[in-house]
Amino acid sequence: MRGLLFVLFLLVAGVAGLGYYRGWFGFTSTGADGKTNITLTVDQNKIKADEKKAEEKVHEFGRQKKE
């Protein structure tokens, strides 16, 4: 059970790291009066564009293997 949780944690951390690197997620913070506000921004258009690129590459790879 521990192994499964560890693998799940690594998977979530990997997706979060990749998403931050690719620009899917952004974090901003502001502070005033001893309070800190953290904002998470998700760029859905960027995610969809990268998804289409990946899908095209998979199809291209499949066509190359058929030939």
C-alpha atoms as a PDB file:
ATOM      1  CA  MET A   1       0.000   0.000   0.000  1.00  0.00           C
ATOM      2  CA  ARG A   2       2.852   2.381   0.806  1.00  0.00           C
ATOM      3  CA  GLY A   3       4.407   1.695  -2.561  1.00  0.00           C
ATOM      4  CA  LEU A   4       1.183   2.564  -4.363  1.00  0.00           C
ATOM      5  CA  LEU A   5       0.833   5.843  -2.452  1.00  0.00           C
ATOM      6  CA  PHE A   6       4.459   6.705  -3.183  1.00  0.00           C
ATOM      7  CA  VAL A   7       4.004   6.054  -6.911  1.00  0.00           C
ATOM      8  CA  LEU A   8       0.800   8.114  -6.902  1.00  0.00           C
ATOM      9  CA  PHE A   9       2.601  10.968  -5.131  1.00  0.00           C
ATOM     10  CA  LEU A  10       5.449  10.853  -7.670  1.00  0.00           C
ATOM     11  CA  LEU A  11       2.955  10.894 -10.533  1.00  0.00           C
ATOM     12  CA  VAL A  12       1.126  13.939  -9.151  1.00  0.00           C
ATOM     13  CA  ALA A  13       4.411  15.732  -8.429  1.00  0.00           C
ATOM     14  CA  GLY A  14       5.671  14.936 -11.928  1.00  0.00           C
ATOM     15  CA  VAL A  15       2.528  16.279 -13.602  1.00  0.00           C
ATOM     16  CA  ALA A  16       2.628  19.409 -11.440  1.00  0.00           C
ATOM     17  CA  GLY A  17       6.303  19.997 -12.244  1.00  0.00           C
ATOM     18  CA  LEU A  18       5.786  19.409 -15.956  1.00  0.00           C
ATOM     19  CA  GLY A  19       2.732  21.679 -15.950  1.00  0.00           C
ATOM     20  CA  TYR A  20       4.645  24.475 -14.258  1.00  0.00           C
ATOM     21  CA  TYR A  21       7.577  24.055 -16.675  1.00  0.00           C
ATOM     22  CA  ARG A  22       5.284  24.049 -19.743  1.00  0.00           C
ATOM     23  CA  GLY A  23       3.396  27.127 -18.510  1.00  0.00           C
ATOM     24  CA  TRP A  24       0.119  25.355 -17.748  1.00  0.00           C
ATOM     25  CA  PHE A  25       0.129  26.594 -14.158  1.00  0.00           C
ATOM     26  CA  GLY A  26       1.273  29.844 -12.612  1.00  0.00           C
ATOM     27  CA  PHE A  27       1.579  31.016  -9.044  1.00  0.00           C
ATOM     28  CA  THR A  28       1.515  34.584  -7.761  1.00  0.00           C
ATOM     29  CA  SER A  29       1.558  35.864  -4.230  1.00  0.00           C
ATOM     30  CA  THR A  30       0.784  39.207  -2.681  1.00  0.00           C
ATOM     31  CA  GLY A  31       1.070  40.281   0.892  1.00  0.00           C
ATOM     32  CA  ALA A  32      -0.361  43.094   2.969  1.00  0.00           C
ATOM     33  CA  ASP A  33      -1.144  43.589   6.650  1.00  0.00           C
ATOM     34  CA  GLY A  34       0.664  40.387   7.597  1.00  0.00           C
ATOM     35  CA  LYS A  35      -1.514  38.296   5.296  1.00  0.00           C
ATOM     36  CA  THR A  36      -0.336  36.477   2.195  1.00  0.00           C
ATOM     37  CA  ASN A  37      -2.585  35.678  -0.748  1.00  0.00           C
ATOM     38  CA  ILE A  38      -1.476  32.958  -3.139  1.00  0.00           C
ATOM     39  CA  THR A  39      -3.184  32.666  -6.516  1.00  0.00           C
ATOM     40  CA  LEU A  40      -3.034  29.630  -8.794  1.00  0.00           C
ATOM     41  CA  THR A  41      -3.632  30.330 -12.483  1.00  0.00           C
ATOM     42  CA  VAL A  42      -4.404  27.525 -14.937  1.00  0.00           C
ATOM     43  CA  ASP A  43      -3.934  28.292 -18.648  1.00  0.00           C
ATOM     44  CA  GLN A  44      -6.458  25.929 -20.231  1.00  0.00           C
ATOM     45  CA  ASN A  45      -5.716  27.186 -23.749  1.00  0.00           C
ATOM     46  CA  LYS A  46      -2.044  26.260 -23.349  1.00  0.00           C
ATOM     47  CA  ILE A  47      -2.971  22.806 -22.039  1.00  0.00           C
ATOM     48  CA  LYS A  48      -5.300  22.167 -24.999  1.00  0.00           C
ATOM     49  CA  ALA A  49      -2.699  23.398 -27.508  1.00  0.00           C
ATOM     50  CA  ASP A  50      -0.036  21.092 -26.027  1.00  0.00           C
ATOM     51  CA  GLU A  51      -2.550  18.226 -26.003  1.00  0.00           C
ATOM     52  CA  LYS A  52      -3.199  18.720 -29.735  1.00  0.00           C
ATOM     53  CA  LYS A  53       0.549  18.825 -30.465  1.00  0.00           C
ATOM     54  CA  ALA A  54       1.090  15.585 -28.546  1.00  0.00           C
ATOM     55  CA  GLU A  55      -1.829  13.930 -30.336  1.00  0.00           C
ATOM     56  CA  GLU A  56      -0.419  14.955 -33.734  1.00  0.00           C
ATOM     57  CA  LYS A  57       2.999  13.553 -32.828  1.00  0.00           C
ATOM     58  CA  VAL A  58       1.447  10.234 -31.741  1.00  0.00           C
ATOM     59  CA  HIS A  59      -0.466   9.989 -35.027  1.00  0.00           C
ATOM     60  CA  GLU A  60       2.691  10.859 -36.971  1.00  0.00           C
ATOM     61  CA  PHE A  61       4.650   8.210 -35.082  1.00  0.00           C
ATOM     62  CA  GLY A  62       1.918   5.662 -35.848  1.00  0.00           C
ATOM     63  CA  ARG A  63       2.030   6.511 -39.556  1.00  0.00           C
ATOM     64  CA  GLN A  64       5.806   6.106 -39.614  1.00  0.00           C
ATOM     65  CA  LYS A  65       5.553   2.670 -38.001  1.00  0.00           C
ATOM     66  CA  LYS A  66       2.975   1.532 -40.579  1.00  0.00           C
ATOM     67  CA  GLU A  67       5.315   2.470 -43.433  1.00  0.00           C
END
